[in-house]
Structure formats: C-alpha cells, structure tokens
Amino acid sequence: MAAGVFQAVSLAVIGLAAACVLFSAYALWLRAGNALRRRSWEGREARWTNLTLEAVAGERSVEELTGRVGRRDRGAFLEFLMRYARRLKGRERDRVKELAAPFLPNTVPLLRSRDPFRRALAVQTLGALGTPEHEAALLRALEDSSPLVSMLAARALAAQRGSTHTEPILANLDRFESWGTEYVTSLLVSLGPEASPALRRVLEDPRRTSRVRAVAADALRELHDLDAARSAFGALEGDAPPDLAAPLLRLLAVLGDPNQLDGIRRTLTHPHFAVRAEAYSAYGALCGAEGEAVLEEGLWDRSPWVALHAARAMRDRGWVEPLQRLTRSGQPGMHAAGQALSEEPS
C-alpha cells in the first residue's frame, strides 16, 4: 500500500516537473519571438525613418518610397507617418501627406469595419494624413454608432478646415455627452471665432439639452464673443436649470454689462448652491460701489462655497476691510474671508 502511494506521488512530481519545463520552454519561445519581432520592427522603422526624411527633403520621389514599402506593411507605415504628421507643420507636413496618399485607399474601407477601434484608427489616419477628398468620409463618420469614432471625426474635421464644418459638428453635439465637458469645449473653441454665431444659436435653442447648451456657453466665453452675453442673459431669464444657469453666469461674469445686474441679482437666492456661487461672482464682476452690501450678504450664506465666491468677489473689488473684520469676528463666513484674503487676486 505504501509503495503504491509512493509511486503515485513520484509520478505526480515527475508530471509537475515536466509541465514546469514545458511552460518554461514556452515562455522562452515567446520571449525570443517578441525579441525578434521587436528587432525586426526597429530595423524596419530605422529604414522608414531614413526614407521618409529623404523624401521630405526632396531627395526621393513618392514613387521611390512607395516601392520600398511592402504590401503587408502599408497599414503599419501609415501609423508611422501619422507620428511624423503630428510633429510637422507647413510644407513638411504637406509632403508627408503626399507620401501617405498612395496608401490611403486601403484605409477608407476600414470605416465600414464591425470593430469600432479599427474604424477609429481609420478616422485618425484620414484626419492626420487625408486630403479634402476624404472630408465626405469623415462627415459620415460623425454619425458613427461609436461615440469614440464620432468624436475623432469631429476633431479631425475641426483641425482640417475649422469653422467650415461647424454646422455638422454642432448637429451631433448631443452624441458627445459621454465625453468630459472640458474636452468638448476645447473642440468647439478649436473651431475659431467664426463658429460663434452657430454656437449662439445652440445656446438659445431650448430644444437642445442643458448640457449641450452649457458647453456652448463655455466655448463662447473662451472665444470672448461679446454678442453671447445677450444670448446668455436671455437663457438665464428663461428659468434655466442649475446645470445651465451656472455656465451662463460664468459667461456673464466675463462678457456681461451692468444693465444685466437686476437679472443676475435674482439668482443670488437660487435654491442650488452652485448657481448662487456663480451669481455672486458675476454680480461682483459687474456691480458698482453699491454692490458691496449685496456681496456682504453672501458671506453669510449657508453654503461655504457660496460664501467663498462672495468673499473672492469682494477681494477682487478691493473691499477687503469687511473681510478682515470678519476673520477676527468668529462669525460664520470667517473661514471664507480668510481663504479669499490668503489667495492671489484673480
């Protein structure tokens, strides 16, 4: 009995040892294969780098370079050229696009792939290396079922011809709601000041979602569109929800005028603390000497965030004496006053 158990254990140990040897050999084989592929890729990239630099410098023709790239390597070569295109400008970038042109026909069909990541790569490639003849394909990609593909198409169109594609990009803004507000705002700002009239129409349109209108407001503020103040004030008067009212007030703080103070003052008692906070900032930016007492009321707000905004507004207007008194009083708002006084003025 003992001999049988010993034999079974011995066989198990031998089997485990053999499995370890096999797995170790497999790992070494994978490592060797990866090392060979890496060396192959590095050597290929080195050749492509020399060929590309010579072609950009005019020492080689497009046809010469095309003949040096194998059919199976064309996709990889386009990815290689994209890295160059992103770093270059002007004539050099145009030359890289000329080098890419013979390989792009193989990219367009990828826009119909079932894999959204392949479609996304195709959009990136056409955005970085494509020509005006590829704009129609990028415009269709704006309505792709994948938000990633749609956003990449919007970025590509904005980078290529800016405000020319404002309307189709804005028509698809609702599809970008899963993206961060700052990212979408930067996209809209990249369209340039020429896009401002269309952005104002989005801001004024009650049929658009609050988030889309809010992003339009943030973009108009960054574009410093003076006409946007009237649009923003009209939207604010239309009983805007909190997620829209706060961006509208941020815009008015920068672009508004004293004639809009009464409307802004009505939002100082808004139920939502974020709206009250932005209202005090806007009121402080636009009010005259009579506004000091109004801002002081904000120091007593039940929300520390609102009190801080009111304190910062007073500091920026130079009304620091009430803040200094408050810091010594032990009253509510003393921490907001102290924080505002310790910061650098905006």
Protein backbone atom coordinates (compact mmCIF):
# COMPACT_ATOMS: atom_id res chain seq x y z
CA MET A 1 0.00 0.00 0.00
CA ALA A 2 2.77 2.43 1.00
CA ALA A 3 4.72 1.54 -2.15
CA GLY A 4 1.71 2.34 -4.32
CA VAL A 5 1.22 5.72 -2.67
CA PHE A 6 4.91 6.49 -3.07
CA GLN A 7 4.77 5.56 -6.74
CA ALA A 8 1.71 7.78 -7.31
CA VAL A 9 3.37 10.74 -5.60
CA SER A 10 6.55 10.21 -7.61
CA LEU A 11 4.63 10.18 -10.88
CA ALA A 12 2.80 13.37 -9.86
CA VAL A 13 6.09 15.10 -9.07
CA ILE A 14 7.59 13.97 -12.38
CA GLY A 15 4.49 15.23 -14.21
CA LEU A 16 4.63 18.62 -12.49
CA ALA A 17 8.35 18.91 -13.24
CA ALA A 18 7.72 18.11 -16.90
CA ALA A 19 4.91 20.70 -17.02
CA CYS A 20 7.25 23.31 -15.50
CA VAL A 21 9.89 22.54 -18.11
CA LEU A 22 7.33 22.83 -20.91
CA PHE A 23 5.92 26.11 -19.61
CA SER A 24 9.44 27.50 -19.16
CA ALA A 25 10.34 26.49 -22.70
CA TYR A 26 7.12 28.09 -23.99
CA ALA A 27 7.86 31.32 -22.11
CA LEU A 28 11.39 31.40 -23.54
CA TRP A 29 10.00 30.77 -27.02
CA LEU A 30 7.52 33.66 -26.62
CA ARG A 31 10.26 35.93 -25.30
CA ALA A 32 12.57 35.06 -28.17
CA GLY A 33 9.75 35.63 -30.66
CA ASN A 34 8.94 39.02 -29.15
CA ALA A 35 12.62 39.99 -29.22
CA LEU A 36 12.86 39.01 -32.89
CA ARG A 37 9.71 40.96 -33.75
CA ARG A 38 10.98 43.97 -31.82
CA ARG A 39 14.32 43.90 -33.64
CA SER A 40 12.50 43.47 -36.94
CA TRP A 41 10.21 46.43 -36.17
CA GLU A 42 13.12 48.61 -35.02
CA GLY A 43 15.05 47.80 -38.18
CA ARG A 44 12.01 48.49 -40.33
CA GLU A 45 11.36 51.80 -38.56
CA ALA A 46 15.00 52.81 -39.00
CA ARG A 47 14.72 52.19 -42.76
CA TRP A 48 11.42 54.05 -42.95
CA THR A 49 12.85 56.97 -40.99
CA ASN A 50 15.71 57.39 -43.45
CA LEU A 51 13.41 57.03 -46.45
CA THR A 52 10.86 59.49 -45.05
CA LEU A 53 13.42 62.13 -44.14
CA GLU A 54 14.96 61.87 -47.61
CA ALA A 55 11.53 62.12 -49.23
CA VAL A 56 10.51 65.13 -47.09
CA ALA A 57 13.78 66.79 -48.03
CA GLY A 58 13.02 66.15 -51.71
CA GLU A 59 15.82 63.64 -52.22
CA ARG A 60 13.41 60.80 -53.05
CA SER A 61 10.17 60.75 -55.00
CA VAL A 62 6.86 59.44 -53.71
CA GLU A 63 7.09 56.56 -56.16
CA GLU A 64 10.53 55.54 -54.84
CA LEU A 65 9.30 55.45 -51.27
CA THR A 66 6.11 53.57 -52.21
CA GLY A 67 8.15 50.86 -53.87
CA ARG A 68 10.17 50.32 -50.69
CA VAL A 69 7.11 49.55 -48.53
CA GLY A 70 5.73 46.03 -48.76
CA ARG A 71 2.02 45.46 -49.29
CA ARG A 72 1.66 43.81 -45.89
CA ASP A 73 3.41 46.76 -44.19
CA ARG A 74 1.21 49.54 -45.57
CA GLY A 75 -1.01 49.86 -42.52
CA ALA A 76 1.98 49.98 -40.19
CA PHE A 77 3.67 52.52 -42.44
CA LEU A 78 0.65 54.82 -42.27
CA GLU A 79 0.75 54.65 -38.46
CA PHE A 80 4.45 55.52 -38.70
CA LEU A 81 3.70 58.53 -40.94
CA MET A 82 0.98 59.73 -38.56
CA ARG A 83 3.59 60.27 -35.86
CA TYR A 84 5.55 62.48 -38.26
CA ALA A 85 2.48 64.39 -39.40
CA ARG A 86 1.57 65.33 -35.82
CA ARG A 87 5.01 66.83 -35.24
CA LEU A 88 5.38 68.73 -38.52
CA LYS A 89 3.73 71.83 -39.95
CA GLY A 90 3.57 73.68 -43.20
CA ARG A 91 5.37 72.34 -46.27
CA GLU A 92 6.91 69.40 -44.41
CA ARG A 93 3.51 68.18 -43.21
CA ASP A 94 2.07 68.58 -46.71
CA ARG A 95 4.93 66.48 -48.03
CA VAL A 96 4.19 63.71 -45.51
CA LYS A 97 0.58 63.70 -46.72
CA GLU A 98 1.85 63.27 -50.28
CA LEU A 99 3.88 60.27 -49.14
CA ALA A 100 0.79 58.78 -47.47
CA ALA A 101 -1.56 59.32 -50.43
CA PRO A 102 -0.80 56.03 -52.27
CA PHE A 103 -1.63 54.02 -49.13
CA LEU A 104 -4.87 55.77 -48.09
CA PRO A 105 -7.23 53.90 -50.45
CA ASN A 106 -6.76 50.86 -48.22
CA THR A 107 -7.85 52.92 -45.18
CA VAL A 108 -11.29 54.09 -46.35
CA PRO A 109 -12.85 50.58 -46.35
CA LEU A 110 -11.89 50.24 -42.67
CA LEU A 111 -14.57 52.83 -41.89
CA ARG A 112 -17.09 50.05 -42.55
CA SER A 113 -15.42 47.57 -40.20
CA ARG A 114 -17.52 45.97 -37.46
CA ASP A 115 -14.73 46.76 -35.00
CA PRO A 116 -15.14 50.33 -33.66
CA PHE A 117 -11.43 50.52 -32.84
CA ARG A 118 -10.50 49.79 -36.46
CA ARG A 119 -12.96 52.46 -37.56
CA ALA A 120 -11.43 54.84 -35.04
CA LEU A 121 -7.93 54.15 -36.37
CA ALA A 122 -9.17 54.80 -39.91
CA VAL A 123 -10.65 58.15 -38.84
CA GLN A 124 -7.42 59.12 -37.08
CA THR A 125 -5.42 58.21 -40.17
CA LEU A 126 -7.63 60.18 -42.56
CA GLY A 127 -7.69 63.10 -40.14
CA ALA A 128 -3.93 63.29 -39.89
CA LEU A 129 -2.95 62.30 -43.44
CA GLY A 130 -6.05 62.73 -45.57
CA THR A 131 -6.88 65.36 -48.17
CA PRO A 132 -10.08 67.37 -48.82
CA GLU A 133 -11.39 64.45 -50.87
CA HIS A 134 -11.65 62.44 -47.62
CA GLU A 135 -13.85 65.03 -45.87
CA ALA A 136 -17.04 63.33 -47.04
CA ALA A 137 -15.96 60.09 -45.35
CA LEU A 138 -15.15 61.97 -42.13
CA LEU A 139 -18.53 63.73 -42.22
CA ARG A 140 -20.24 60.34 -42.45
CA ALA A 141 -18.13 59.14 -39.53
CA LEU A 142 -19.62 61.94 -37.41
CA GLU A 143 -22.77 59.84 -37.21
CA ASP A 144 -20.97 56.58 -36.42
CA SER A 145 -22.62 54.42 -33.77
CA SER A 146 -19.45 54.63 -31.67
CA PRO A 147 -19.02 57.88 -29.67
CA LEU A 148 -15.25 57.41 -29.96
CA VAL A 149 -15.34 57.32 -33.77
CA SER A 150 -17.76 60.25 -33.87
CA MET A 151 -15.60 62.43 -31.61
CA LEU A 152 -12.41 61.59 -33.53
CA ALA A 153 -14.17 62.55 -36.75
CA ALA A 154 -15.25 65.86 -35.22
CA ARG A 155 -11.70 66.55 -34.04
CA ALA A 156 -10.31 65.73 -37.47
CA LEU A 157 -12.79 67.97 -39.28
CA ALA A 158 -12.20 70.82 -36.84
CA ALA A 159 -8.43 70.53 -37.31
CA GLN A 160 -8.62 70.38 -41.11
CA ARG A 161 -10.85 73.30 -42.00
CA GLY A 162 -12.13 74.71 -38.73
CA SER A 163 -15.42 76.57 -38.94
CA THR A 164 -16.24 75.12 -42.39
CA HIS A 165 -17.65 72.09 -40.59
CA THR A 166 -19.24 73.90 -37.66
CA GLU A 167 -22.84 73.03 -38.50
CA PRO A 168 -22.44 69.23 -38.87
CA ILE A 169 -20.31 69.09 -35.73
CA LEU A 170 -22.86 71.06 -33.71
CA ALA A 171 -25.67 68.91 -35.09
CA ASN A 172 -24.00 65.92 -33.41
CA LEU A 173 -23.13 67.60 -30.10
CA ASP A 174 -25.74 65.56 -28.24
CA ARG A 175 -23.76 62.43 -29.12
CA PHE A 176 -20.72 63.76 -27.26
CA GLU A 177 -22.43 63.95 -23.86
CA SER A 178 -20.41 60.99 -22.57
CA TRP A 179 -17.21 63.00 -23.06
CA GLY A 180 -15.91 65.43 -20.45
CA THR A 181 -17.21 68.99 -20.61
CA GLU A 182 -13.72 70.46 -20.90
CA TYR A 183 -12.83 68.16 -23.79
CA VAL A 184 -15.95 69.02 -25.77
CA THR A 185 -15.48 72.72 -25.01
CA SER A 186 -11.93 72.58 -26.36
CA LEU A 187 -13.29 71.01 -29.55
CA LEU A 188 -15.74 73.87 -30.02
CA VAL A 189 -13.13 76.52 -29.24
CA SER A 190 -10.85 74.97 -31.89
CA LEU A 191 -13.49 75.89 -34.49
CA GLY A 192 -12.49 79.52 -34.01
CA PRO A 193 -14.42 82.79 -33.64
CA GLU A 194 -16.21 82.18 -36.96
CA ALA A 195 -18.23 79.48 -35.20
CA SER A 196 -19.63 81.92 -32.64
CA PRO A 197 -22.95 82.69 -34.43
CA ALA A 198 -23.74 78.97 -34.69
CA LEU A 199 -22.76 78.44 -31.05
CA ARG A 200 -25.09 81.26 -30.01
CA ARG A 201 -27.94 79.53 -31.83
CA VAL A 202 -27.22 76.35 -29.88
CA LEU A 203 -27.16 78.31 -26.63
CA GLU A 204 -30.50 79.95 -27.41
CA ASP A 205 -32.24 76.76 -28.54
CA PRO A 206 -34.46 75.35 -25.72
CA ARG A 207 -34.77 72.08 -27.66
CA ARG A 208 -31.12 71.25 -27.04
CA THR A 209 -30.17 69.57 -23.78
CA SER A 210 -28.94 71.69 -20.89
CA ARG A 211 -25.50 70.10 -21.05
CA VAL A 212 -25.09 70.90 -24.74
CA ARG A 213 -26.17 74.49 -24.20
CA ALA A 214 -23.81 74.73 -21.23
CA VAL A 215 -20.87 73.55 -23.33
CA ALA A 216 -21.78 76.15 -25.97
CA ALA A 217 -21.81 78.82 -23.25
CA ASP A 218 -18.35 77.78 -22.00
CA ALA A 219 -16.98 77.83 -25.56
CA LEU A 220 -18.43 81.28 -26.26
CA ARG A 221 -16.88 82.57 -23.04
CA GLU A 222 -13.46 81.24 -24.05
CA LEU A 223 -13.89 82.69 -27.54
CA HIS A 224 -14.76 86.02 -25.87
CA ASP A 225 -17.79 86.53 -28.08
CA LEU A 226 -19.36 89.79 -26.87
CA ASP A 227 -22.71 89.10 -28.52
CA ALA A 228 -23.03 85.94 -26.43
CA ALA A 229 -23.86 87.98 -23.31
CA ARG A 230 -27.28 88.86 -24.69
CA SER A 231 -27.96 85.22 -25.58
CA ALA A 232 -26.82 84.04 -22.15
CA PHE A 233 -28.93 86.61 -20.32
CA GLY A 234 -31.99 85.62 -22.32
CA ALA A 235 -31.43 81.95 -21.46
CA LEU A 236 -30.94 82.82 -17.79
CA GLU A 237 -34.20 84.77 -17.74
CA GLY A 238 -35.92 81.71 -19.21
CA ASP A 239 -35.63 79.85 -15.90
CA ALA A 240 -32.55 77.82 -16.84
CA PRO A 241 -31.89 74.62 -14.84
CA PRO A 242 -28.88 74.66 -12.48
CA ASP A 243 -26.51 72.81 -14.84
CA LEU A 244 -27.11 75.53 -17.43
CA ALA A 245 -27.56 78.54 -15.15
CA ALA A 246 -24.07 78.21 -13.64
CA PRO A 247 -22.22 78.32 -17.03
CA LEU A 248 -24.45 81.22 -18.13
CA LEU A 249 -23.43 83.20 -15.06
CA ARG A 250 -19.75 82.37 -15.68
CA LEU A 251 -20.16 83.79 -19.17
CA LEU A 252 -21.89 86.93 -17.89
CA ALA A 253 -19.14 87.48 -15.32
CA VAL A 254 -16.70 87.88 -18.22
CA LEU A 255 -18.84 89.34 -21.01
CA GLY A 256 -21.89 90.86 -19.30
CA ASP A 257 -22.65 94.51 -18.56
CA PRO A 258 -24.20 96.39 -15.59
CA ASN A 259 -27.58 96.56 -17.32
CA GLN A 260 -27.94 92.85 -16.58
CA LEU A 261 -27.34 93.18 -12.83
CA ASP A 262 -31.01 93.01 -11.84
CA GLY A 263 -31.44 89.67 -13.59
CA ILE A 264 -28.25 88.35 -12.04
CA ARG A 265 -29.31 89.55 -8.59
CA ARG A 266 -32.44 87.43 -8.76
CA THR A 267 -30.25 84.31 -8.95
CA LEU A 268 -28.46 85.16 -5.69
CA THR A 269 -31.23 83.31 -3.85
CA HIS A 270 -31.37 80.33 -6.20
CA PRO A 271 -32.02 77.01 -4.40
CA HIS A 272 -28.88 75.42 -5.85
CA PHE A 273 -25.62 76.46 -4.17
CA ALA A 274 -23.56 76.25 -7.40
CA VAL A 275 -25.83 78.78 -9.10
CA ARG A 276 -25.69 81.14 -6.09
CA ALA A 277 -21.89 80.89 -6.07
CA GLU A 278 -21.57 81.83 -9.75
CA ALA A 279 -24.19 84.55 -9.28
CA TYR A 280 -22.10 86.27 -6.60
CA SER A 281 -19.03 86.07 -8.83
CA ALA A 282 -20.92 87.60 -11.75
CA TYR A 283 -22.55 90.25 -9.59
CA GLY A 284 -19.20 91.22 -8.11
CA ALA A 285 -17.63 91.49 -11.56
CA LEU A 286 -20.32 93.85 -12.88
CA CYS A 287 -21.60 95.88 -9.92
CA GLY A 288 -20.63 99.35 -8.84
CA ALA A 289 -19.93 100.72 -5.35
CA GLU A 290 -23.48 99.91 -4.28
CA GLY A 291 -22.74 96.22 -4.68
CA GLU A 292 -20.60 95.93 -1.55
CA ALA A 293 -23.58 95.43 0.75
CA VAL A 294 -25.06 92.80 -1.58
CA LEU A 295 -21.82 90.84 -1.63
CA GLU A 296 -21.53 91.03 2.16
CA GLU A 297 -24.85 89.21 2.39
CA GLY A 298 -23.25 86.34 0.51
CA LEU A 299 -20.68 85.91 3.28
CA TRP A 300 -23.49 84.63 5.49
CA ASP A 301 -24.78 82.07 3.00
CA ARG A 302 -25.38 78.60 4.42
CA SER A 303 -23.02 77.14 1.79
CA PRO A 304 -19.28 77.66 2.44
CA TRP A 305 -18.73 77.51 -1.34
CA VAL A 306 -21.12 80.43 -1.92
CA ALA A 307 -19.54 82.41 0.91
CA LEU A 308 -16.11 81.87 -0.63
CA HIS A 309 -17.28 83.15 -4.03
CA ALA A 310 -18.77 86.23 -2.40
CA ALA A 311 -15.55 86.82 -0.46
CA ARG A 312 -13.43 86.49 -3.58
CA ALA A 313 -15.68 88.93 -5.40
CA MET A 314 -15.23 91.47 -2.59
CA ARG A 315 -11.47 90.96 -2.55
CA ASP A 316 -11.23 91.45 -6.32
CA ARG A 317 -13.14 94.75 -5.99
CA GLY A 318 -10.76 95.90 -3.27
CA TRP A 319 -13.33 95.68 -0.47
CA VAL A 320 -11.03 93.92 1.96
CA GLU A 321 -11.81 95.75 5.20
CA PRO A 322 -15.12 93.91 5.81
CA LEU A 323 -13.31 90.66 5.10
CA GLN A 324 -10.57 91.48 7.58
CA ARG A 325 -13.15 92.31 10.25
CA LEU A 326 -14.96 89.07 9.59
CA THR A 327 -11.80 86.97 10.02
CA ARG A 328 -11.48 88.35 13.57
CA SER A 329 -15.14 88.01 14.47
CA GLY A 330 -15.58 84.29 14.93
CA GLN A 331 -18.79 84.57 12.92
CA PRO A 332 -19.94 82.28 10.06
CA GLY A 333 -18.06 83.21 6.91
CA MET A 334 -14.79 83.94 8.70
CA HIS A 335 -13.09 80.95 7.05
CA ALA A 336 -14.26 82.04 3.58
CA ALA A 337 -12.98 85.57 4.23
CA GLY A 338 -9.63 84.27 5.43
CA GLN A 339 -9.29 81.95 2.44
CA ALA A 340 -10.06 84.75 -0.02
CA LEU A 341 -7.54 87.09 1.62
CA SER A 342 -4.83 84.43 1.56
CA GLU A 343 -5.18 83.84 -2.20
CA GLU A 344 -3.64 85.79 -5.04
CA PRO A 345 -6.24 88.13 -6.61
CA SER A 346 -7.64 86.76 -9.88
